């Protein structure tokens, strides 16, 4: 039973985009590893930008500097 946890920042990702992520990851696991789609679990965890940090700063600050 494959379990995949996808973490993204919560910033306007649509339900359609999430559905595509689930479909494509499921298909990749089926094609590459022969896993059954019915047994494949994909969880999309949306994290607020102010709770995600990288490059020594929060995502909100990084995006302000990049703009």
N, C-alpha and C. Protein backbone atom coordinates (compact mmCIF):
# COMPACT_ATOMS: atom_id res chain seq x y z
N UNK A 1 0.84 -1.18 0.00
CA UNK A 1 0.00 0.00 0.00
C UNK A 1 0.89 1.24 0.00
N UNK A 2 1.11 1.87 -1.13
CA UNK A 2 1.90 3.10 -1.15
C UNK A 2 1.12 4.25 -0.48
N UNK A 3 1.86 5.04 0.26
CA UNK A 3 1.34 6.25 0.88
C UNK A 3 2.30 7.37 0.52
N UNK A 4 1.77 8.42 -0.10
CA UNK A 4 2.59 9.56 -0.51
C UNK A 4 2.02 10.81 0.15
N UNK A 5 2.87 11.55 0.85
CA UNK A 5 2.48 12.80 1.50
C UNK A 5 3.08 13.95 0.70
N UNK A 6 2.24 14.76 0.09
CA UNK A 6 2.67 15.90 -0.71
C UNK A 6 2.42 17.16 0.12
N UNK A 7 3.46 17.92 0.36
CA UNK A 7 3.31 19.15 1.13
C UNK A 7 3.56 20.34 0.21
N UNK A 8 2.59 21.24 0.22
CA UNK A 8 2.68 22.45 -0.59
C UNK A 8 2.23 23.63 0.26
N UNK A 9 2.62 24.83 -0.16
CA UNK A 9 2.11 26.00 0.54
C UNK A 9 0.67 26.25 0.12
N UNK A 10 -0.09 26.74 1.06
CA UNK A 10 -1.52 26.99 0.84
C UNK A 10 -1.65 28.38 0.22
N UNK A 11 -1.67 28.42 -1.09
CA UNK A 11 -1.72 29.73 -1.75
C UNK A 11 -2.45 29.67 -3.09
N UNK A 12 -3.69 29.22 -3.04
CA UNK A 12 -4.51 29.28 -4.23
C UNK A 12 -4.48 28.07 -5.13
N UNK A 13 -4.04 26.94 -4.64
CA UNK A 13 -4.05 25.72 -5.45
C UNK A 13 -5.50 25.27 -5.59
N UNK A 14 -5.92 25.00 -6.81
CA UNK A 14 -7.32 24.64 -7.05
C UNK A 14 -7.57 23.14 -6.82
N UNK A 15 -8.83 22.80 -6.66
CA UNK A 15 -9.22 21.39 -6.51
C UNK A 15 -8.83 20.60 -7.76
N UNK A 16 -8.94 21.22 -8.91
CA UNK A 16 -8.57 20.56 -10.16
C UNK A 16 -7.07 20.25 -10.19
N UNK A 17 -6.26 21.18 -9.73
CA UNK A 17 -4.81 20.96 -9.69
C UNK A 17 -4.47 19.83 -8.72
N UNK A 18 -5.13 19.81 -7.58
CA UNK A 18 -4.90 18.74 -6.60
C UNK A 18 -5.31 17.39 -7.18
N UNK A 19 -6.43 17.34 -7.86
CA UNK A 19 -6.87 16.09 -8.49
C UNK A 19 -5.85 15.60 -9.51
N UNK A 20 -5.28 16.52 -10.25
CA UNK A 20 -4.25 16.14 -11.23
C UNK A 20 -3.01 15.59 -10.55
N UNK A 21 -2.60 16.20 -9.45
CA UNK A 21 -1.46 15.70 -8.69
C UNK A 21 -1.72 14.26 -8.25
N UNK A 22 -2.91 14.02 -7.70
CA UNK A 22 -3.26 12.67 -7.24
C UNK A 22 -3.25 11.68 -8.40
N UNK A 23 -3.86 12.05 -9.52
CA UNK A 23 -3.89 11.16 -10.69
C UNK A 23 -2.48 10.82 -11.18
N UNK A 24 -1.66 11.85 -11.32
CA UNK A 24 -0.34 11.64 -11.91
C UNK A 24 0.60 10.87 -10.99
N UNK A 25 0.56 11.13 -9.71
CA UNK A 25 1.39 10.37 -8.78
C UNK A 25 0.92 8.91 -8.75
N UNK A 26 -0.38 8.70 -8.72
CA UNK A 26 -0.93 7.35 -8.74
C UNK A 26 -0.49 6.61 -9.99
N UNK A 27 -0.58 7.26 -11.13
CA UNK A 27 -0.19 6.63 -12.41
C UNK A 27 1.30 6.32 -12.43
N UNK A 28 2.11 7.21 -11.90
CA UNK A 28 3.56 6.97 -11.86
C UNK A 28 3.88 5.74 -11.01
N UNK A 29 3.24 5.62 -9.85
CA UNK A 29 3.48 4.45 -9.00
C UNK A 29 3.01 3.16 -9.68
N UNK A 30 1.94 3.26 -10.43
CA UNK A 30 1.44 2.10 -11.17
C UNK A 30 2.42 1.73 -12.29
N UNK A 31 2.84 2.72 -13.07
CA UNK A 31 3.72 2.47 -14.22
C UNK A 31 5.11 2.01 -13.81
N UNK A 32 5.68 2.63 -12.79
CA UNK A 32 7.07 2.36 -12.42
C UNK A 32 7.19 1.15 -11.49
N UNK A 33 6.28 1.06 -10.51
CA UNK A 33 6.41 0.00 -9.51
C UNK A 33 5.33 -1.07 -9.58
N UNK A 34 4.37 -0.90 -10.49
CA UNK A 34 3.31 -1.88 -10.62
C UNK A 34 2.31 -1.86 -9.47
N UNK A 35 2.20 -0.73 -8.78
CA UNK A 35 1.28 -0.62 -7.64
C UNK A 35 -0.16 -0.45 -8.12
N UNK A 36 -1.08 -1.05 -7.38
CA UNK A 36 -2.50 -0.96 -7.72
C UNK A 36 -3.06 0.41 -7.31
N UNK A 37 -3.71 1.11 -8.23
CA UNK A 37 -4.29 2.41 -7.89
C UNK A 37 -5.26 2.34 -6.69
N UNK A 38 -5.98 1.24 -6.58
CA UNK A 38 -6.96 1.09 -5.50
C UNK A 38 -6.30 1.02 -4.13
N UNK A 39 -5.01 0.75 -4.11
CA UNK A 39 -4.29 0.62 -2.84
C UNK A 39 -3.32 1.79 -2.61
N UNK A 40 -3.34 2.76 -3.50
CA UNK A 40 -2.42 3.90 -3.41
C UNK A 40 -3.12 5.08 -2.74
N UNK A 41 -2.46 5.62 -1.73
CA UNK A 41 -3.01 6.75 -0.98
C UNK A 41 -2.12 7.97 -1.16
N UNK A 42 -2.73 9.08 -1.54
CA UNK A 42 -2.02 10.34 -1.71
C UNK A 42 -2.67 11.36 -0.78
N UNK A 43 -1.88 12.01 0.05
CA UNK A 43 -2.38 13.04 0.95
C UNK A 43 -1.71 14.35 0.58
N UNK A 44 -2.51 15.38 0.37
CA UNK A 44 -1.98 16.71 0.08
C UNK A 44 -2.13 17.54 1.34
N UNK A 45 -1.02 17.95 1.88
CA UNK A 45 -0.98 18.73 3.11
C UNK A 45 -0.64 20.17 2.74
N UNK A 46 -1.60 21.06 2.93
CA UNK A 46 -1.38 22.47 2.61
C UNK A 46 -0.93 23.21 3.87
N UNK A 47 0.21 23.87 3.77
CA UNK A 47 0.80 24.58 4.89
C UNK A 47 0.73 26.07 4.61
N UNK A 48 0.29 26.84 5.61
CA UNK A 48 0.26 28.29 5.44
C UNK A 48 1.67 28.79 5.20
N UNK A 49 1.80 29.80 4.34
CA UNK A 49 3.12 30.32 3.97
C UNK A 49 3.92 30.77 5.19
N UNK A 50 3.24 31.32 6.20
CA UNK A 50 3.96 31.80 7.39
C UNK A 50 4.42 30.64 8.28
N UNK A 51 4.03 29.41 7.94
CA UNK A 51 4.47 28.23 8.69
C UNK A 51 5.49 27.40 7.91
N UNK A 52 5.99 27.94 6.81
CA UNK A 52 6.96 27.22 5.97
C UNK A 52 8.18 28.10 5.82
N UNK A 53 9.33 27.58 6.16
CA UNK A 53 10.54 28.37 6.04
C UNK A 53 11.60 27.67 5.22
N UNK A 54 12.39 28.44 4.52
CA UNK A 54 13.55 27.93 3.79
C UNK A 54 14.46 29.11 3.48
N UNK A 55 15.68 28.83 3.14
CA UNK A 55 16.67 29.88 2.85
C UNK A 55 16.81 30.84 4.02
N UNK A 56 16.55 30.33 5.24
CA UNK A 56 16.71 31.14 6.44
C UNK A 56 15.59 32.11 6.73
N UNK A 57 14.46 31.96 6.06
CA UNK A 57 13.34 32.89 6.30
C UNK A 57 12.01 32.21 6.01
N UNK A 58 10.94 32.83 6.47
CA UNK A 58 9.61 32.32 6.17
C UNK A 58 9.28 32.55 4.70
N UNK A 59 8.42 31.72 4.16
CA UNK A 59 8.03 31.86 2.76
C UNK A 59 7.45 33.24 2.48
N UNK A 60 6.66 33.77 3.42
CA UNK A 60 6.07 35.11 3.21
C UNK A 60 7.17 36.16 3.01
N UNK A 61 8.23 36.11 3.82
CA UNK A 61 9.32 37.07 3.69
C UNK A 61 10.11 36.83 2.40
N UNK A 62 10.35 35.57 2.06
CA UNK A 62 11.09 35.24 0.84
C UNK A 62 10.36 35.80 -0.38
N UNK A 63 9.05 35.60 -0.41
CA UNK A 63 8.27 36.08 -1.56
C UNK A 63 8.24 37.61 -1.63
N UNK A 64 8.22 38.28 -0.49
CA UNK A 64 8.27 39.74 -0.50
C UNK A 64 9.59 40.23 -1.09
N UNK A 65 10.68 39.60 -0.70
CA UNK A 65 12.00 40.01 -1.21
C UNK A 65 12.16 39.71 -2.68
N UNK A 66 11.55 38.61 -3.12
CA UNK A 66 11.68 38.20 -4.53
C UNK A 66 10.86 39.10 -5.46
N UNK A 67 9.77 39.68 -4.93
CA UNK A 67 8.86 40.50 -5.75
C UNK A 67 9.48 41.82 -6.14
